[in-house]
Amino acid sequence: MLAVLKALTLTGDRVQLLRSSEELAAIKDRGEYEQSLDVLESMIRDAWALALGRLAESIINYDLKKDLTEIAAELNSKRAASWLTEIEELRGALEVNLNRKIASDGLMMKMASA
């Protein structure tokens, strides 16, 4: 999921986003899929917190502090909030058995355009 945030903020690499989408969609177990979304959400929240000036020691993914700090330097609140909204909307769509491949692709492209 770190590759997703780097592609969204640092490199603009849409090919990486599609690769990440394929990896996400390839997860067969729904619980694991949702857990991957949880990880992505936690990284977004951490980067957002760092962008707002919170201490690195207060973030959940402290082991990724260096990368998240770089991402935070390029992140604004509007964008972070939009990404979290997109993930929550995807979670809602999954409740009605949405195709994970299509949903994952859509999520990455929506996040890229936010």
C-alpha atoms as a PDB file:
ATOM      1  CA  MET A   1       0.000   0.000   0.000  1.00  0.00           C
ATOM      2  CA  LEU A   2       2.996   2.284   0.437  1.00  0.00           C
ATOM      3  CA  ALA A   3       3.569   2.053  -3.321  1.00  0.00           C
ATOM      4  CA  VAL A   4       0.042   3.407  -3.834  1.00  0.00           C
ATOM      5  CA  LEU A   5       0.696   6.491  -1.727  1.00  0.00           C
ATOM      6  CA  LYS A   6       4.051   7.101  -3.372  1.00  0.00           C
ATOM      7  CA  ALA A   7       2.468   6.847  -6.815  1.00  0.00           C
ATOM      8  CA  LEU A   8      -0.321   9.216  -5.787  1.00  0.00           C
ATOM      9  CA  THR A   9       1.908  11.870  -4.248  1.00  0.00           C
ATOM     10  CA  LEU A  10       5.509  11.531  -5.337  1.00  0.00           C
ATOM     11  CA  THR A  11       5.754   9.896  -8.747  1.00  0.00           C
ATOM     12  CA  GLY A  12       2.331  10.165 -10.402  1.00  0.00           C
ATOM     13  CA  ASP A  13       2.931   6.640 -11.703  1.00  0.00           C
ATOM     14  CA  ARG A  14      -0.472   5.415 -12.889  1.00  0.00           C
ATOM     15  CA  VAL A  15       1.032   2.140 -14.062  1.00  0.00           C
ATOM     16  CA  GLN A  16       2.036   1.455 -10.456  1.00  0.00           C
ATOM     17  CA  LEU A  17      -1.496   2.297  -9.358  1.00  0.00           C
ATOM     18  CA  LEU A  18      -2.924  -0.249 -11.784  1.00  0.00           C
ATOM     19  CA  ARG A  19      -0.387  -2.853 -10.620  1.00  0.00           C
ATOM     20  CA  SER A  20      -1.409  -2.172  -7.034  1.00  0.00           C
ATOM     21  CA  SER A  21      -5.043  -2.447  -8.036  1.00  0.00           C
ATOM     22  CA  GLU A  22      -4.389  -5.853  -9.603  1.00  0.00           C
ATOM     23  CA  GLU A  23      -2.611  -7.027  -6.461  1.00  0.00           C
ATOM     24  CA  LEU A  24      -5.489  -5.822  -4.326  1.00  0.00           C
ATOM     25  CA  ALA A  25      -8.118  -7.434  -6.554  1.00  0.00           C
ATOM     26  CA  ALA A  26      -6.173 -10.718  -6.601  1.00  0.00           C
ATOM     27  CA  ILE A  27      -6.777 -11.184  -2.888  1.00  0.00           C
ATOM     28  CA  LYS A  28      -9.343 -13.971  -2.753  1.00  0.00           C
ATOM     29  CA  ASP A  29     -10.399 -13.660   0.862  1.00  0.00           C
ATOM     30  CA  ARG A  30     -12.742 -10.741   1.510  1.00  0.00           C
ATOM     31  CA  GLY A  31     -11.329 -10.269   5.009  1.00  0.00           C
ATOM     32  CA  GLU A  32      -7.799  -9.945   3.670  1.00  0.00           C
ATOM     33  CA  TYR A  33      -9.012  -7.524   1.001  1.00  0.00           C
ATOM     34  CA  GLU A  34     -10.656  -5.341   3.628  1.00  0.00           C
ATOM     35  CA  GLN A  35      -7.563  -5.601   5.810  1.00  0.00           C
ATOM     36  CA  SER A  36      -5.505  -4.221   2.905  1.00  0.00           C
ATOM     37  CA  LEU A  37      -7.925  -1.306   2.712  1.00  0.00           C
ATOM     38  CA  ASP A  38      -7.448  -0.812   6.468  1.00  0.00           C
ATOM     39  CA  VAL A  39      -3.679  -0.625   5.965  1.00  0.00           C
ATOM     40  CA  LEU A  40      -4.080   1.907   3.160  1.00  0.00           C
ATOM     41  CA  GLU A  41      -6.409   3.992   5.324  1.00  0.00           C
ATOM     42  CA  SER A  42      -3.996   3.946   8.250  1.00  0.00           C
ATOM     43  CA  MET A  43      -1.133   5.089   6.028  1.00  0.00           C
ATOM     44  CA  ILE A  44      -3.229   7.913   4.606  1.00  0.00           C
ATOM     45  CA  ARG A  45      -4.229   8.991   8.116  1.00  0.00           C
ATOM     46  CA  ASP A  46      -0.603   8.882   9.263  1.00  0.00           C
ATOM     47  CA  ALA A  47       0.654  10.902   6.285  1.00  0.00           C
ATOM     48  CA  TRP A  48      -2.164  13.385   6.811  1.00  0.00           C
ATOM     49  CA  ALA A  49      -1.309  13.689  10.505  1.00  0.00           C
ATOM     50  CA  LEU A  50       2.326  14.348   9.628  1.00  0.00           C
ATOM     51  CA  ALA A  51       1.268  16.923   7.028  1.00  0.00           C
ATOM     52  CA  LEU A  52      -0.702  18.679   9.771  1.00  0.00           C
ATOM     53  CA  GLY A  53       2.375  18.780  12.006  1.00  0.00           C
ATOM     54  CA  ARG A  54       1.758  15.886  14.389  1.00  0.00           C
ATOM     55  CA  LEU A  55       4.830  14.240  15.856  1.00  0.00           C
ATOM     56  CA  ALA A  56       6.076  11.167  14.024  1.00  0.00           C
ATOM     57  CA  GLU A  57       6.019   9.229  17.284  1.00  0.00           C
ATOM     58  CA  SER A  58       2.223   9.488  17.327  1.00  0.00           C
ATOM     59  CA  ILE A  59       1.590   7.689  14.032  1.00  0.00           C
ATOM     60  CA  ILE A  60       0.517   4.060  13.736  1.00  0.00           C
ATOM     61  CA  ASN A  61       2.951   3.091  10.984  1.00  0.00           C
ATOM     62  CA  TYR A  62       6.036   4.444  12.701  1.00  0.00           C
ATOM     63  CA  ASP A  63       8.234   1.932  10.881  1.00  0.00           C
ATOM     64  CA  LEU A  64       7.362   3.810   7.657  1.00  0.00           C
ATOM     65  CA  LYS A  65       8.090   7.238   9.139  1.00  0.00           C
ATOM     66  CA  LYS A  66      10.638   8.261   6.516  1.00  0.00           C
ATOM     67  CA  ASP A  67       8.412   7.375   3.568  1.00  0.00           C
ATOM     68  CA  LEU A  68       5.285   8.808   5.166  1.00  0.00           C
ATOM     69  CA  THR A  69       7.103  12.061   5.916  1.00  0.00           C
ATOM     70  CA  GLU A  70       8.029  12.389   2.231  1.00  0.00           C
ATOM     71  CA  ILE A  71       4.432  11.689   1.251  1.00  0.00           C
ATOM     72  CA  ALA A  72       3.154  14.163   3.849  1.00  0.00           C
ATOM     73  CA  ALA A  73       5.241  16.930   2.287  1.00  0.00           C
ATOM     74  CA  GLU A  74       3.169  16.561  -0.897  1.00  0.00           C
ATOM     75  CA  LEU A  75      -0.204  15.932   0.733  1.00  0.00           C
ATOM     76  CA  ASN A  76      -2.971  18.389   1.485  1.00  0.00           C
ATOM     77  CA  SER A  77      -6.045  17.877   3.645  1.00  0.00           C
ATOM     78  CA  LYS A  78      -8.536  18.029   0.798  1.00  0.00           C
ATOM     79  CA  ARG A  79      -6.785  15.245  -1.067  1.00  0.00           C
ATOM     80  CA  ALA A  80      -6.361  13.013   1.995  1.00  0.00           C
ATOM     81  CA  ALA A  81     -10.009  13.457   2.960  1.00  0.00           C
ATOM     82  CA  SER A  82     -11.065  12.630  -0.588  1.00  0.00           C
ATOM     83  CA  TRP A  83      -9.025   9.410  -0.579  1.00  0.00           C
ATOM     84  CA  LEU A  84     -10.548   8.285   2.714  1.00  0.00           C
ATOM     85  CA  THR A  85     -14.027   9.023   1.372  1.00  0.00           C
ATOM     86  CA  GLU A  86     -13.317   6.954  -1.751  1.00  0.00           C
ATOM     87  CA  ILE A  87     -12.196   4.004   0.363  1.00  0.00           C
ATOM     88  CA  GLU A  88     -15.324   4.218   2.523  1.00  0.00           C
ATOM     89  CA  GLU A  89     -17.519   4.362  -0.577  1.00  0.00           C
ATOM     90  CA  LEU A  90     -15.750   1.273  -1.903  1.00  0.00           C
ATOM     91  CA  ARG A  91     -16.439  -0.525   1.372  1.00  0.00           C
ATOM     92  CA  GLY A  92     -20.125   0.316   1.013  1.00  0.00           C
ATOM     93  CA  ALA A  93     -20.172  -0.958  -2.562  1.00  0.00           C
ATOM     94  CA  LEU A  94     -18.564  -4.225  -1.460  1.00  0.00           C
ATOM     95  CA  GLU A  95     -21.609  -4.887   0.703  1.00  0.00           C
ATOM     96  CA  VAL A  96     -23.619  -5.433  -2.489  1.00  0.00           C
ATOM     97  CA  ASN A  97     -21.073  -7.867  -3.984  1.00  0.00           C
ATOM     98  CA  LEU A  98     -19.339  -5.449  -6.314  1.00  0.00           C
ATOM     99  CA  ASN A  99     -16.617  -6.977  -8.498  1.00  0.00           C
ATOM    100  CA  ARG A 100     -13.375  -6.369  -6.594  1.00  0.00           C
ATOM    101  CA  LYS A 101     -11.270  -5.952  -9.735  1.00  0.00           C
ATOM    102  CA  ILE A 102     -13.481  -3.211 -11.108  1.00  0.00           C
ATOM    103  CA  ALA A 103     -13.828  -1.637  -7.678  1.00  0.00           C
ATOM    104  CA  SER A 104     -10.066  -1.656  -7.066  1.00  0.00           C
ATOM    105  CA  ASP A 105      -9.315  -0.145 -10.475  1.00  0.00           C
ATOM    106  CA  GLY A 106     -11.954   2.520  -9.902  1.00  0.00           C
ATOM    107  CA  LEU A 107     -10.570   3.342  -6.460  1.00  0.00           C
ATOM    108  CA  MET A 108      -7.022   3.850  -7.722  1.00  0.00           C
ATOM    109  CA  MET A 109      -8.100   6.030 -10.626  1.00  0.00           C
ATOM    110  CA  LYS A 110     -10.433   8.142  -8.440  1.00  0.00           C
ATOM    111  CA  MET A 111      -7.660   8.610  -5.924  1.00  0.00           C
ATOM    112  CA  ALA A 112      -5.264   9.638  -8.692  1.00  0.00           C
ATOM    113  CA  SER A 113      -7.662  12.276  -9.970  1.00  0.00           C
ATOM    114  CA  ALA A 114      -8.447  13.706  -6.518  1.00  0.00           C
END
